[in-house]
């Protein structure tokens, strides 16, 4: 899906229309329709207006990636630490999280392969 495909998708999800988007962004409907029909991407300042009106990130409109905003500083710090870990460190952290999860579960709640391996 391209930029305009994602714009259309978000508009549909919001039950909104191009005329609404034009009004919300201050970009003329004629200009919006021209961009969509010719598959031309807007300038960055115009893309920012579109993203704000749709309540999504420019990154989402351009790439399709969803980036969650984090309000909790502890979680943000943890995410930054994870981003800086090597693959081996990430695998070790994953193993620790799974072992913590399983230690709080009763054996019958374990995934099938874990329950069979512990019998």
C-alpha atoms as a PDB file:
ATOM      1  CA  UNK A   1       0.000   0.000   0.000  1.00  0.00           C
ATOM      2  CA  UNK A   2       1.349   3.428  -0.876  1.00  0.00           C
ATOM      3  CA  UNK A   3       0.933   6.847   0.772  1.00  0.00           C
ATOM      4  CA  UNK A   4      -2.491   7.512  -0.754  1.00  0.00           C
ATOM      5  CA  UNK A   5      -3.640   3.961  -0.108  1.00  0.00           C
ATOM      6  CA  UNK A   6      -2.880   4.474   3.586  1.00  0.00           C
ATOM      7  CA  UNK A   7      -4.629   7.873   3.550  1.00  0.00           C
ATOM      8  CA  UNK A   8      -7.705   6.223   2.003  1.00  0.00           C
ATOM      9  CA  UNK A   9      -7.523   3.406   4.560  1.00  0.00           C
ATOM     10  CA  UNK A  10      -7.430   5.823   7.510  1.00  0.00           C
ATOM     11  CA  UNK A  11     -10.204   7.946   6.008  1.00  0.00           C
ATOM     12  CA  UNK A  12     -12.356   4.828   5.682  1.00  0.00           C
ATOM     13  CA  UNK A  13     -11.619   3.783   9.268  1.00  0.00           C
ATOM     14  CA  UNK A  14     -12.630   7.249  10.479  1.00  0.00           C
ATOM     15  CA  UNK A  15     -15.690   7.362   8.219  1.00  0.00           C
ATOM     16  CA  UNK A  16     -14.200  10.548   6.778  1.00  0.00           C
ATOM     17  CA  UNK A  17     -13.966  11.872   3.242  1.00  0.00           C
ATOM     18  CA  UNK A  18     -11.521  13.794   1.091  1.00  0.00           C
ATOM     19  CA  UNK A  19     -13.621  16.961   1.434  1.00  0.00           C
ATOM     20  CA  UNK A  20     -13.321  16.598   5.221  1.00  0.00           C
ATOM     21  CA  UNK A  21      -9.548  16.099   4.874  1.00  0.00           C
ATOM     22  CA  UNK A  22      -9.278  19.159   2.653  1.00  0.00           C
ATOM     23  CA  UNK A  23     -11.116  21.264   5.218  1.00  0.00           C
ATOM     24  CA  UNK A  24      -9.148  19.818   8.158  1.00  0.00           C
ATOM     25  CA  UNK A  25      -5.787  20.486   6.495  1.00  0.00           C
ATOM     26  CA  UNK A  26      -6.484  23.715   4.642  1.00  0.00           C
ATOM     27  CA  UNK A  27      -5.383  22.001   1.412  1.00  0.00           C
ATOM     28  CA  UNK A  28      -7.844  22.481  -1.435  1.00  0.00           C
ATOM     29  CA  UNK A  29      -9.922  19.497  -2.495  1.00  0.00           C
ATOM     30  CA  UNK A  30      -8.793  20.120  -6.072  1.00  0.00           C
ATOM     31  CA  UNK A  31      -5.143  19.779  -4.983  1.00  0.00           C
ATOM     32  CA  UNK A  32      -5.811  16.641  -2.917  1.00  0.00           C
ATOM     33  CA  UNK A  33      -7.695  15.001  -5.783  1.00  0.00           C
ATOM     34  CA  UNK A  34      -4.897  15.907  -8.189  1.00  0.00           C
ATOM     35  CA  UNK A  35      -2.293  14.291  -5.943  1.00  0.00           C
ATOM     36  CA  UNK A  36      -4.369  11.150  -5.476  1.00  0.00           C
ATOM     37  CA  UNK A  37      -5.262  10.761  -9.162  1.00  0.00           C
ATOM     38  CA  UNK A  38      -1.703  11.369 -10.353  1.00  0.00           C
ATOM     39  CA  UNK A  39      -0.220   9.376  -7.446  1.00  0.00           C
ATOM     40  CA  UNK A  40       2.008  12.286  -6.420  1.00  0.00           C
ATOM     41  CA  UNK A  41       3.208  12.600  -2.865  1.00  0.00           C
ATOM     42  CA  UNK A  42       2.768  15.942  -1.108  1.00  0.00           C
ATOM     43  CA  UNK A  43       5.631  18.040   0.231  1.00  0.00           C
ATOM     44  CA  UNK A  44       6.673  17.198   3.792  1.00  0.00           C
ATOM     45  CA  UNK A  45       4.812  20.175   5.297  1.00  0.00           C
ATOM     46  CA  UNK A  46       1.634  19.114   3.494  1.00  0.00           C
ATOM     47  CA  UNK A  47       2.121  15.471   4.520  1.00  0.00           C
ATOM     48  CA  UNK A  48       2.453  16.682   8.108  1.00  0.00           C
ATOM     49  CA  UNK A  49      -0.905  18.483   7.871  1.00  0.00           C
ATOM     50  CA  UNK A  50      -2.514  15.327   6.477  1.00  0.00           C
ATOM     51  CA  UNK A  51      -0.961  13.139   9.189  1.00  0.00           C
ATOM     52  CA  UNK A  52      -2.111  15.517  11.939  1.00  0.00           C
ATOM     53  CA  UNK A  53      -5.653  15.644  10.587  1.00  0.00           C
ATOM     54  CA  UNK A  54      -5.768  11.838  10.382  1.00  0.00           C
ATOM     55  CA  UNK A  55      -4.082  11.462  13.799  1.00  0.00           C
ATOM     56  CA  UNK A  56      -1.316   9.223  12.446  1.00  0.00           C
ATOM     57  CA  UNK A  57       2.416   9.721  11.964  1.00  0.00           C
ATOM     58  CA  UNK A  58       4.022  10.830   8.719  1.00  0.00           C
ATOM     59  CA  UNK A  59       6.134   7.686   9.041  1.00  0.00           C
ATOM     60  CA  UNK A  60       2.961   5.577   8.908  1.00  0.00           C
ATOM     61  CA  UNK A  61       1.679   7.362   5.795  1.00  0.00           C
ATOM     62  CA  UNK A  62       5.025   7.018   4.015  1.00  0.00           C
ATOM     63  CA  UNK A  63       6.158   3.542   5.131  1.00  0.00           C
ATOM     64  CA  UNK A  64       3.200   1.857   6.788  1.00  0.00           C
ATOM     65  CA  UNK A  65       5.143   1.407  10.032  1.00  0.00           C
ATOM     66  CA  UNK A  66       3.237   2.106  13.200  1.00  0.00           C
ATOM     67  CA  UNK A  67       5.184   3.781  15.968  1.00  0.00           C
ATOM     68  CA  UNK A  68       3.497   3.889  19.345  1.00  0.00           C
ATOM     69  CA  UNK A  69       4.079   6.903  21.491  1.00  0.00           C
ATOM     70  CA  UNK A  70       5.113   6.087  25.025  1.00  0.00           C
ATOM     71  CA  UNK A  71       4.206   8.341  27.932  1.00  0.00           C
ATOM     72  CA  UNK A  72       5.850   6.273  30.676  1.00  0.00           C
ATOM     73  CA  UNK A  73       9.560   7.235  30.986  1.00  0.00           C
ATOM     74  CA  UNK A  74      10.470   3.836  32.493  1.00  0.00           C
ATOM     75  CA  UNK A  75       8.992   2.002  29.502  1.00  0.00           C
ATOM     76  CA  UNK A  76      10.667   4.436  27.122  1.00  0.00           C
ATOM     77  CA  UNK A  77      14.028   3.778  28.824  1.00  0.00           C
ATOM     78  CA  UNK A  78      13.439   0.033  28.533  1.00  0.00           C
ATOM     79  CA  UNK A  79      12.614   0.363  24.831  1.00  0.00           C
ATOM     80  CA  UNK A  80      15.803   2.361  24.271  1.00  0.00           C
ATOM     81  CA  UNK A  81      17.836  -0.328  26.073  1.00  0.00           C
ATOM     82  CA  UNK A  82      16.242  -3.030  23.888  1.00  0.00           C
ATOM     83  CA  UNK A  83      17.061  -1.062  20.725  1.00  0.00           C
ATOM     84  CA  UNK A  84      20.736  -0.992  21.735  1.00  0.00           C
ATOM     85  CA  UNK A  85      21.051  -4.708  22.572  1.00  0.00           C
ATOM     86  CA  UNK A  86      22.861  -7.212  20.418  1.00  0.00           C
ATOM     87  CA  UNK A  87      20.979 -10.206  19.025  1.00  0.00           C
ATOM     88  CA  UNK A  88      22.443 -12.473  21.715  1.00  0.00           C
ATOM     89  CA  UNK A  89      21.407 -10.064  24.468  1.00  0.00           C
ATOM     90  CA  UNK A  90      17.883  -9.887  23.018  1.00  0.00           C
ATOM     91  CA  UNK A  91      17.617 -13.679  22.921  1.00  0.00           C
ATOM     92  CA  UNK A  92      18.753 -13.866  26.554  1.00  0.00           C
ATOM     93  CA  UNK A  93      16.203 -11.208  27.570  1.00  0.00           C
ATOM     94  CA  UNK A  94      13.484 -13.099  25.693  1.00  0.00           C
ATOM     95  CA  UNK A  95      14.398 -16.309  27.521  1.00  0.00           C
ATOM     96  CA  UNK A  96      14.274 -14.521  30.870  1.00  0.00           C
ATOM     97  CA  UNK A  97      10.836 -13.061  30.087  1.00  0.00           C
ATOM     98  CA  UNK A  98       9.477 -16.456  29.062  1.00  0.00           C
ATOM     99  CA  UNK A  99      10.870 -18.160  32.168  1.00  0.00           C
ATOM    100  CA  UNK A 100       9.294 -15.447  34.362  1.00  0.00           C
ATOM    101  CA  UNK A 101       5.989 -15.917  32.548  1.00  0.00           C
ATOM    102  CA  UNK A 102       6.053 -19.720  32.982  1.00  0.00           C
ATOM    103  CA  UNK A 103       7.063 -19.515  36.647  1.00  0.00           C
ATOM    104  CA  UNK A 104       3.787 -17.687  37.339  1.00  0.00           C
ATOM    105  CA  UNK A 105       1.710 -20.265  35.424  1.00  0.00           C
ATOM    106  CA  UNK A 106       0.389 -23.613  36.556  1.00  0.00           C
ATOM    107  CA  UNK A 107       1.759 -26.516  34.425  1.00  0.00           C
ATOM    108  CA  UNK A 108      -1.588 -27.055  32.688  1.00  0.00           C
ATOM    109  CA  UNK A 109      -1.399 -23.420  31.413  1.00  0.00           C
ATOM    110  CA  UNK A 110       2.011 -23.944  29.794  1.00  0.00           C
ATOM    111  CA  UNK A 111       2.218 -24.185  26.022  1.00  0.00           C
ATOM    112  CA  UNK A 112       2.010 -27.786  24.828  1.00  0.00           C
ATOM    113  CA  UNK A 113       5.736 -28.172  24.005  1.00  0.00           C
ATOM    114  CA  UNK A 114       6.746 -26.808  27.446  1.00  0.00           C
ATOM    115  CA  UNK A 115       4.321 -29.121  29.285  1.00  0.00           C
ATOM    116  CA  UNK A 116       5.505 -32.183  27.325  1.00  0.00           C
ATOM    117  CA  UNK A 117       9.165 -31.346  27.961  1.00  0.00           C
ATOM    118  CA  UNK A 118       8.656 -31.021  31.719  1.00  0.00           C
ATOM    119  CA  UNK A 119       6.803 -34.327  32.167  1.00  0.00           C
END
